[in-house]
N, C-alpha and C. Protein backbone atom coordinates (compact mmCIF):
# COMPACT_ATOMS: atom_id res chain seq x y z
N UNK A 1 150.45 119.13 117.88
CA UNK A 1 151.73 118.72 117.37
C UNK A 1 152.82 119.17 118.35
N UNK A 2 153.79 118.36 118.53
CA UNK A 2 154.91 118.71 119.40
C UNK A 2 156.17 118.84 118.56
N UNK A 3 157.27 119.13 119.22
CA UNK A 3 158.55 119.26 118.51
C UNK A 3 158.94 117.94 117.84
N UNK A 4 158.43 116.83 118.34
CA UNK A 4 158.79 115.52 117.79
C UNK A 4 157.79 115.02 116.75
N UNK A 5 156.74 115.75 116.50
CA UNK A 5 155.77 115.33 115.50
C UNK A 5 154.38 115.19 116.07
N UNK A 6 153.61 114.36 115.44
CA UNK A 6 152.20 114.18 115.78
C UNK A 6 152.04 113.05 116.79
N UNK A 7 152.49 113.27 118.02
CA UNK A 7 152.50 112.21 119.02
C UNK A 7 151.09 111.73 119.37
N UNK A 8 150.16 112.64 119.54
CA UNK A 8 148.79 112.23 119.89
C UNK A 8 148.16 111.40 118.78
N UNK A 9 148.37 111.82 117.53
CA UNK A 9 147.81 111.08 116.40
C UNK A 9 148.47 109.71 116.28
N UNK A 10 149.78 109.66 116.48
CA UNK A 10 150.50 108.38 116.44
C UNK A 10 150.00 107.43 117.53
N UNK A 11 149.80 107.95 118.73
CA UNK A 11 149.32 107.13 119.84
C UNK A 11 147.91 106.61 119.55
N UNK A 12 147.05 107.45 119.00
CA UNK A 12 145.69 107.01 118.67
C UNK A 12 145.72 105.90 117.62
N UNK A 13 146.61 106.03 116.63
CA UNK A 13 146.73 105.00 115.60
C UNK A 13 147.21 103.68 116.21
N UNK A 14 148.23 103.74 117.04
CA UNK A 14 148.76 102.53 117.67
C UNK A 14 147.71 101.89 118.57
N UNK A 15 147.02 102.69 119.36
CA UNK A 15 145.97 102.15 120.23
C UNK A 15 144.88 101.46 119.42
N UNK A 16 144.50 102.05 118.29
CA UNK A 16 143.47 101.43 117.45
C UNK A 16 143.96 100.12 116.86
N UNK A 17 145.23 100.09 116.42
CA UNK A 17 145.80 98.85 115.86
C UNK A 17 145.85 97.74 116.90
N UNK A 18 146.11 98.11 118.15
CA UNK A 18 146.20 97.12 119.22
C UNK A 18 144.85 96.75 119.80
N UNK A 19 143.79 97.42 119.34
CA UNK A 19 142.45 97.14 119.85
C UNK A 19 142.17 97.79 121.19
N UNK A 20 143.03 98.72 121.60
CA UNK A 20 142.86 99.39 122.88
C UNK A 20 141.91 100.59 122.80
N UNK A 21 141.61 101.03 121.58
CA UNK A 21 140.73 102.19 121.39
C UNK A 21 140.11 102.08 120.00
N UNK A 22 138.95 102.69 119.81
CA UNK A 22 138.35 102.67 118.47
C UNK A 22 139.14 103.56 117.51
N UNK A 23 139.08 103.24 116.24
CA UNK A 23 139.74 104.04 115.23
C UNK A 23 139.04 105.38 115.09
N UNK A 24 139.80 106.44 114.93
CA UNK A 24 139.20 107.76 114.75
C UNK A 24 138.85 108.02 113.28
N UNK A 25 139.27 107.11 112.40
CA UNK A 25 139.00 107.24 110.96
C UNK A 25 138.18 106.03 110.53
N UNK A 26 137.08 106.30 109.82
CA UNK A 26 136.22 105.21 109.36
C UNK A 26 136.61 104.78 107.95
N UNK A 27 136.09 103.64 107.54
CA UNK A 27 136.31 103.19 106.17
C UNK A 27 135.71 104.18 105.18
N UNK A 28 134.60 104.80 105.54
CA UNK A 28 133.98 105.81 104.68
C UNK A 28 134.89 107.02 104.52
N UNK A 29 135.56 107.44 105.59
CA UNK A 29 136.54 108.53 105.51
C UNK A 29 137.64 108.18 104.52
N UNK A 30 138.15 106.96 104.62
CA UNK A 30 139.23 106.51 103.73
C UNK A 30 138.76 106.49 102.28
N UNK A 31 137.55 106.00 102.05
CA UNK A 31 136.99 105.94 100.69
C UNK A 31 136.94 107.34 100.08
N UNK A 32 136.45 108.31 100.84
CA UNK A 32 136.34 109.67 100.32
C UNK A 32 137.71 110.31 100.10
N UNK A 33 138.67 110.01 100.96
CA UNK A 33 140.03 110.54 100.77
C UNK A 33 140.63 110.01 99.47
N UNK A 34 140.44 108.73 99.21
CA UNK A 34 140.96 108.14 97.98
C UNK A 34 140.25 108.73 96.76
N UNK A 35 138.96 108.98 96.86
CA UNK A 35 138.22 109.58 95.74
C UNK A 35 138.76 110.97 95.42
N UNK A 36 139.10 111.75 96.45
CA UNK A 36 139.66 113.09 96.23
C UNK A 36 141.03 112.98 95.55
N UNK A 37 141.86 112.06 96.02
CA UNK A 37 143.19 111.89 95.42
C UNK A 37 143.08 111.44 93.97
N UNK A 38 142.18 110.49 93.69
CA UNK A 38 142.00 110.03 92.31
C UNK A 38 141.49 111.15 91.41
N UNK A 39 140.61 111.99 91.93
CA UNK A 39 140.12 113.13 91.15
C UNK A 39 141.25 114.11 90.85
N UNK A 40 142.13 114.32 91.83
CA UNK A 40 143.26 115.23 91.61
C UNK A 40 144.20 114.68 90.53
N UNK A 41 144.50 113.39 90.59
CA UNK A 41 145.35 112.78 89.56
C UNK A 41 144.68 112.83 88.19
N UNK A 42 143.37 112.58 88.15
CA UNK A 42 142.65 112.66 86.89
C UNK A 42 142.69 114.05 86.31
N UNK A 43 142.59 115.05 87.17
CA UNK A 43 142.66 116.44 86.74
C UNK A 43 144.03 116.76 86.16
N UNK A 44 145.07 116.27 86.81
CA UNK A 44 146.41 116.49 86.30
C UNK A 44 146.61 115.85 84.92
N UNK A 45 146.09 114.62 84.77
CA UNK A 45 146.24 113.92 83.49
C UNK A 45 145.48 114.62 82.36
N UNK A 46 144.28 115.11 82.67
CA UNK A 46 143.44 115.69 81.62
C UNK A 46 143.66 117.18 81.43
N UNK A 47 144.28 117.81 82.41
CA UNK A 47 144.48 119.25 82.33
C UNK A 47 143.22 120.04 82.63
N UNK A 48 142.21 119.37 83.12
CA UNK A 48 140.94 120.04 83.42
C UNK A 48 140.60 119.97 84.88
N UNK A 49 139.37 120.32 85.16
CA UNK A 49 138.89 120.29 86.53
C UNK A 49 138.16 118.98 86.77
N UNK A 50 138.35 118.37 87.94
CA UNK A 50 137.64 117.14 88.22
C UNK A 50 136.16 117.41 88.46
N UNK A 51 135.33 116.47 88.11
CA UNK A 51 133.91 116.59 88.37
C UNK A 51 133.64 116.08 89.78
N UNK A 52 133.06 116.92 90.61
CA UNK A 52 132.76 116.53 91.98
C UNK A 52 131.37 115.96 92.06
N UNK A 53 131.25 114.83 92.72
CA UNK A 53 129.97 114.18 92.92
C UNK A 53 129.69 114.12 94.39
N UNK A 54 128.58 114.68 94.81
CA UNK A 54 128.21 114.69 96.24
C UNK A 54 127.26 113.55 96.49
N UNK A 55 127.41 112.93 97.64
CA UNK A 55 126.52 111.83 98.00
C UNK A 55 125.75 112.14 99.27
N UNK A 56 125.34 113.40 99.41
CA UNK A 56 124.60 113.83 100.61
C UNK A 56 123.39 113.01 100.83
């Protein structure tokens, strides 16, 4: 990170969008990130702990 923000990460994202480089994040990564966020919201709604499911 620099004083201006996440320049390397921004450049990697732009390069991937332009087809100049492969994406550093896979669709599977995105799926798991969304599952974590949904579990957190579910926990907030229910006041309990989310049930974690591993797919090893």
